Protein backbone atom coordinates (compact mmCIF):
# COMPACT_ATOMS: atom_id res chain seq x y z
CA UNK A 1 126.53 72.16 -37.20
CA UNK A 2 129.19 70.37 -39.25
CA UNK A 3 132.24 68.42 -38.12
CA UNK A 4 134.44 71.54 -38.16
CA UNK A 5 132.13 74.15 -36.66
CA UNK A 6 131.21 72.36 -33.45
CA UNK A 7 129.02 73.71 -30.67
CA UNK A 8 132.13 74.00 -28.53
CA UNK A 9 134.02 76.13 -31.05
CA UNK A 10 130.95 78.25 -31.75
CA UNK A 11 130.59 78.94 -28.02
CA UNK A 12 134.33 79.63 -27.75
CA UNK A 13 134.46 82.15 -30.57
CA UNK A 14 131.40 83.98 -29.22
CA UNK A 15 132.83 84.17 -25.71
CA UNK A 16 136.33 85.10 -26.85
CA UNK A 17 135.04 87.81 -29.19
CA UNK A 18 133.17 89.53 -26.37
CA UNK A 19 136.09 89.24 -23.95
CA UNK A 20 138.68 90.43 -26.46
CA UNK A 21 136.51 93.33 -27.67
CA UNK A 22 136.23 94.48 -24.06
CA UNK A 23 140.01 94.15 -23.64
CA UNK A 24 140.68 96.07 -26.86
CA UNK A 25 138.17 98.80 -25.93
CA UNK A 26 139.85 99.23 -22.56
CA UNK A 27 143.31 99.31 -24.15
CA UNK A 28 142.52 102.05 -26.65
CA UNK A 29 140.88 104.08 -23.88
CA UNK A 30 144.00 104.28 -21.70
CA UNK A 31 146.88 104.82 -24.15
CA UNK A 32 147.97 107.84 -26.17
CA UNK A 33 145.67 107.97 -29.24
CA UNK A 34 148.36 109.75 -31.29
CA UNK A 35 151.05 107.16 -30.63
CA UNK A 36 152.05 105.32 -33.81
CA UNK A 37 150.74 101.77 -33.53
CA UNK A 38 152.19 100.85 -36.93
CA UNK A 39 154.41 102.57 -39.47
CA UNK A 40 151.34 104.22 -40.98
CA UNK A 41 148.53 104.26 -38.40
CA UNK A 42 148.15 105.91 -35.04
CA UNK A 43 146.39 104.17 -32.16
CA UNK A 44 143.24 106.14 -33.03
CA UNK A 45 143.42 105.10 -36.69
CA UNK A 46 144.03 101.48 -35.73
CA UNK A 47 141.02 101.58 -33.42
CA UNK A 48 138.93 103.12 -36.20
CA UNK A 49 140.00 100.36 -38.61
CA UNK A 50 138.94 97.58 -36.24
CA UNK A 51 135.69 99.32 -35.29
CA UNK A 52 134.80 99.84 -38.97
CA UNK A 53 135.19 96.09 -39.55
CA UNK A 54 132.93 95.35 -36.58
CA UNK A 55 130.38 97.82 -37.92
CA UNK A 56 130.46 96.16 -41.35
CA UNK A 57 130.04 92.72 -39.79
CA UNK A 58 126.80 93.71 -38.08
CA UNK A 59 125.21 93.66 -41.53
CA UNK A 60 127.23 90.70 -42.84
CA UNK A 61 126.12 88.42 -40.01
CA UNK A 62 122.51 89.55 -39.96
CA UNK A 63 122.19 89.56 -43.73
CA UNK A 64 118.85 91.37 -43.81
CA UNK A 65 120.08 94.93 -43.14
CA UNK A 66 121.88 97.40 -45.38
CA UNK A 67 125.65 97.71 -45.20
CA UNK A 68 126.87 100.76 -43.24
CA UNK A 69 129.31 101.38 -46.11
CA UNK A 70 127.37 100.97 -49.38
CA UNK A 71 129.97 103.09 -51.18
CA UNK A 72 132.54 100.34 -50.61
CA UNK A 73 130.45 97.47 -51.96
CA UNK A 74 132.21 97.23 -55.33
CA UNK A 75 135.70 97.61 -53.84
CA UNK A 76 134.94 94.87 -51.30
CA UNK A 77 133.66 92.58 -54.06
CA UNK A 78 136.77 93.10 -56.22
CA UNK A 79 139.35 92.89 -53.41
CA UNK A 80 142.21 90.40 -53.36
CA UNK A 81 145.09 89.86 -50.95
CA UNK A 82 147.17 92.54 -52.70
CA UNK A 83 144.51 95.26 -52.69
CA UNK A 84 143.19 95.03 -49.13
CA UNK A 85 145.54 97.79 -47.92
CA UNK A 86 144.09 100.15 -50.52
CA UNK A 87 140.58 99.13 -49.46
CA UNK A 88 141.43 99.92 -45.84
CA UNK A 89 142.57 103.41 -46.78
CA UNK A 90 139.42 103.92 -48.84
CA UNK A 91 137.33 102.84 -45.85
CA UNK A 92 138.92 105.55 -43.70
CA UNK A 93 137.22 108.11 -45.94
CA UNK A 94 133.82 106.70 -44.98
CA UNK A 95 134.51 106.24 -41.28
CA UNK A 96 135.64 109.52 -39.81
CA UNK A 97 135.43 108.87 -36.04
CA UNK A 98 138.82 108.97 -34.29
CA UNK A 99 137.94 109.54 -30.61
CA UNK A 100 139.10 106.38 -28.81
CA UNK A 101 136.41 106.63 -26.14
CA UNK A 102 133.68 106.90 -28.76
CA UNK A 103 135.25 104.08 -30.77
CA UNK A 104 135.48 101.87 -27.68
CA UNK A 105 131.78 102.24 -26.96
CA UNK A 106 130.83 101.74 -30.60
CA UNK A 107 132.98 98.61 -30.80
CA UNK A 108 131.30 97.14 -27.74
CA UNK A 109 127.86 97.95 -29.17
CA UNK A 110 128.68 96.46 -32.58
CA UNK A 111 130.02 93.27 -31.02
CA UNK A 112 126.84 92.95 -28.95
CA UNK A 113 124.85 93.32 -32.18
CA UNK A 114 126.99 90.70 -33.94
CA UNK A 115 126.54 88.24 -31.09
CA UNK A 116 122.81 88.87 -30.97
CA UNK A 117 122.44 88.36 -34.71
CA UNK A 118 124.69 85.31 -34.66
CA UNK A 119 122.53 83.64 -32.04
CA UNK A 120 119.72 83.41 -34.60
CA UNK A 121 121.62 81.75 -37.47
CA UNK A 122 123.40 78.48 -38.14
CA UNK A 123 127.12 79.28 -37.57
CA UNK A 124 128.02 77.22 -40.66
CA UNK A 125 125.90 79.48 -42.92
CA UNK A 126 128.16 81.00 -45.62
CA UNK A 127 127.95 84.77 -45.99
CA UNK A 128 129.65 87.19 -48.47
CA UNK A 129 133.13 88.42 -47.61
CA UNK A 130 136.01 90.22 -49.34
CA UNK A 131 136.71 89.27 -52.93
CA UNK A 132 133.33 87.58 -53.29
CA UNK A 133 134.47 84.84 -50.90
CA UNK A 134 131.97 82.88 -48.82
CA UNK A 135 132.84 82.58 -45.13
CA UNK A 136 130.79 80.73 -42.50
CA UNK A 137 129.21 83.00 -39.90
CA UNK A 138 131.46 81.44 -37.26
CA UNK A 139 134.44 82.35 -39.45
CA UNK A 140 133.34 85.99 -39.62
CA UNK A 141 133.40 86.13 -35.82
CA UNK A 142 136.80 84.41 -35.79
CA UNK A 143 138.15 86.94 -38.29
CA UNK A 144 137.02 89.88 -36.15
CA UNK A 145 138.50 88.18 -33.08
CA UNK A 146 141.82 87.88 -34.92
CA UNK A 147 141.70 91.54 -35.98
CA UNK A 148 141.24 92.53 -32.34
CA UNK A 149 144.08 90.27 -31.19
CA UNK A 150 146.56 91.42 -33.86
CA UNK A 151 145.80 95.12 -33.70
CA UNK A 152 145.66 94.99 -29.92
CA UNK A 153 149.16 93.51 -30.19
CA UNK A 154 150.21 96.45 -32.39
CA UNK A 155 148.81 99.05 -29.99
CA UNK A 156 150.18 97.36 -26.87
CA UNK A 157 153.65 96.88 -28.33
CA UNK A 158 153.87 100.50 -29.47
CA UNK A 159 152.70 101.84 -26.09
CA UNK A 160 154.59 99.30 -23.94
CA UNK A 161 151.39 97.86 -22.54
CA UNK A 162 150.86 94.15 -21.79
CA UNK A 163 148.68 92.22 -24.24
CA UNK A 164 148.13 88.50 -24.63
CA UNK A 165 147.25 86.49 -27.73
CA UNK A 166 145.83 83.23 -26.33
CA UNK A 167 146.66 80.20 -28.47
CA UNK A 168 143.13 78.84 -28.19
CA UNK A 169 141.63 82.08 -29.48
CA UNK A 170 144.18 82.32 -32.29
CA UNK A 171 143.39 78.75 -33.32
CA UNK A 172 139.77 79.68 -33.97
CA UNK A 173 140.95 81.85 -36.86
CA UNK A 174 142.59 78.84 -38.52
CA UNK A 175 139.71 76.42 -37.96
CA UNK A 176 136.66 78.62 -38.44
CA UNK A 177 137.84 81.33 -40.81
CA UNK A 178 140.70 80.02 -42.97
CA UNK A 179 139.61 76.41 -43.37
CA UNK A 180 135.95 77.42 -43.35
CA UNK A 181 136.46 79.90 -46.20
CA UNK A 182 138.54 77.52 -48.33
CA UNK A 183 135.96 74.77 -47.86
CA UNK A 184 133.21 77.11 -49.05
CA UNK A 185 134.71 79.45 -51.66
CA UNK A 186 137.54 81.97 -51.40
CA UNK A 187 136.31 83.85 -54.46
CA UNK A 188 138.95 86.02 -56.11
CA UNK A 189 141.02 86.63 -52.98
CA UNK A 190 144.08 84.86 -54.40
CA UNK A 191 143.58 86.03 -57.98
CA UNK A 192 146.56 88.37 -57.91
CA UNK A 193 148.23 87.35 -61.15
CA UNK A 194 151.13 85.73 -59.29
CA UNK A 195 152.30 82.56 -61.04
CA UNK A 196 151.35 79.36 -59.26
CA UNK A 197 153.95 76.64 -58.64
CA UNK A 198 154.10 74.20 -61.56
CA UNK A 199 153.44 71.16 -59.40
CA UNK A 200 150.81 70.11 -56.87
CA UNK A 201 151.80 70.89 -53.27
CA UNK A 202 150.05 69.53 -50.19
CA UNK A 203 150.81 70.98 -46.74
CA UNK A 204 149.58 69.54 -43.46
CA UNK A 205 148.95 71.78 -40.43
CA UNK A 206 149.13 70.47 -36.87
CA UNK A 207 148.44 72.17 -33.55
CA UNK A 208 147.15 71.20 -30.13
CA UNK A 209 144.51 73.92 -30.51
CA UNK A 210 143.15 73.18 -34.00
CA UNK A 211 141.72 70.27 -35.94
CA UNK A 212 144.25 68.45 -38.19
CA UNK A 213 144.03 69.83 -41.73
CA UNK A 214 145.93 69.81 -45.01
CA UNK A 215 145.70 72.28 -47.88
CA UNK A 216 146.36 71.52 -51.53
CA UNK A 217 147.65 74.00 -54.10
CA UNK A 218 147.12 72.60 -57.57
CA UNK A 219 147.16 74.58 -60.83
CA UNK A 220 146.51 77.85 -59.06
CA UNK A 221 143.58 76.71 -56.90
CA UNK A 222 143.61 75.96 -53.19
CA UNK A 223 141.44 73.32 -51.54
CA UNK A 224 141.19 71.31 -48.34
CA UNK A 225 142.81 67.91 -48.83
CA UNK A 226 140.88 64.70 -48.31
CA UNK A 227 141.63 62.67 -45.20
CA UNK A 228 144.70 60.48 -45.71
CA UNK A 229 146.14 62.58 -48.53
CA UNK A 230 149.88 62.29 -49.03
CA UNK A 231 151.56 65.42 -47.67
CA UNK A 232 154.69 67.13 -48.97
CA UNK A 233 155.39 69.31 -45.93
CA UNK A 234 154.06 69.38 -42.39
CA UNK A 235 153.78 72.54 -40.29
CA UNK A 236 153.51 72.21 -36.52
CA UNK A 237 152.48 75.48 -34.96
CA UNK A 238 151.39 77.51 -32.01
CA UNK A 239 148.34 79.35 -33.42
CA UNK A 240 149.28 82.71 -31.91
CA UNK A 241 152.75 82.54 -33.45
CA UNK A 242 151.42 81.37 -36.82
CA UNK A 243 148.95 84.27 -37.03
CA UNK A 244 151.65 86.76 -36.07
CA UNK A 245 153.88 85.22 -38.74
CA UNK A 246 151.23 85.16 -41.47
CA UNK A 247 150.30 88.80 -40.84
CA UNK A 248 153.85 90.12 -40.72
CA UNK A 249 154.21 90.54 -36.97
CA UNK A 250 156.83 87.83 -36.47
CA UNK A 251 159.71 86.73 -38.68
CA UNK A 252 160.09 83.14 -39.86
CA UNK A 253 163.47 83.02 -38.13
CA UNK A 254 162.02 84.04 -34.76
CA UNK A 255 159.11 81.63 -35.14
CA UNK A 256 161.53 78.78 -35.86
CA UNK A 257 164.07 79.66 -33.15
CA UNK A 258 161.39 79.86 -30.47
CA UNK A 259 160.01 76.49 -31.54
CA UNK A 260 156.55 77.92 -32.11
CA UNK A 261 156.52 76.95 -35.80
CA UNK A 262 158.28 73.81 -37.06
CA UNK A 263 158.46 72.30 -40.55
CA UNK A 264 159.19 68.73 -41.61
CA UNK A 265 158.18 66.18 -44.22
CA UNK A 266 159.30 64.48 -47.39
CA UNK A 267 159.50 67.73 -49.41
CA UNK A 268 159.70 70.61 -46.92
CA UNK A 269 161.48 72.80 -49.51
CA UNK A 270 158.14 73.19 -51.32
CA UNK A 271 156.61 75.16 -48.44
CA UNK A 272 158.02 78.60 -49.45
CA UNK A 273 156.48 78.30 -52.93
CA UNK A 274 153.19 77.30 -51.34
CA UNK A 275 153.24 80.31 -48.98
CA UNK A 276 154.15 82.76 -51.74
CA UNK A 277 150.85 81.90 -53.40
CA UNK A 278 148.63 81.05 -50.41
CA UNK A 279 148.77 84.40 -48.62
CA UNK A 280 146.46 86.32 -46.32
CA UNK A 281 145.42 89.96 -46.68
CA UNK A 282 147.60 92.31 -44.63
CA UNK A 283 146.72 95.74 -43.36
CA UNK A 284 149.75 97.79 -42.43
CA UNK A 285 153.21 96.98 -41.13
CA UNK A 286 153.94 97.06 -37.39
CA UNK A 287 156.60 99.24 -35.82
CA UNK A 288 159.69 98.12 -33.90
CA UNK A 289 159.26 95.25 -31.45
CA UNK A 290 158.53 95.82 -27.78
CA UNK A 291 159.11 92.71 -25.65
CA UNK A 292 156.13 93.18 -23.29
CA UNK A 293 153.77 91.08 -25.36
CA UNK A 294 152.69 87.66 -24.11
CA UNK A 295 152.12 85.00 -26.76
């Protein structure tokens, strides 16, 4: 264990992944599979997307078994934040199941396999991810947990079904996946050709559910700042709201007006330039808002 991936957070991500997978499996089993969960994907397609990721992660976490999608190996290696949507569509051609009941059972089985495999490895062990990044095993589980939370939010909103995104669970994505990946190596994920800001920008992130952290963008590379580094902008956030914001489910205006994301500091105007470069892969845009979601 290291100072970031504690026993407590490792236990939390394991427990939350199982609970949320069960919630997601139940959700997709009771709603209309042909309802449009996003502008492009039905409920069935959304469920297939999440289940395909879980299936892939059974091999990523174990490390000693073949990938279920060997045809996608090169596309996964070359992916960046701007090409993930194309990769998702390519993956649909290699994962044909669309029956929600079958997908629900497969998701549960894959999560059991992931948890079983994860019990035998150090959660800080870096494993290959998109764009030749290296993500700690705990971060892989946190990423799948976030996929379940966000796409469950899509499905529930579109079908007017309650769905919660617990702040503690959402915070695991920030601590274990995002910070864990940047500390290891994010590969070519941000190599999109977008021009980097001409000056160094340091942004601090603060939440009651995450460890204090600051990220530095300097000459086109992102790193975790050293303790005590001087910060240009501070972001105080509710992890659920931040994840919804980063993945296009919540507008910056709504996040600010609800008080779930706040910005301050000596140079807060530098934050937009930072966020234009430091972006996360998105899948597909959500449909119109339904106010039955609990955040």
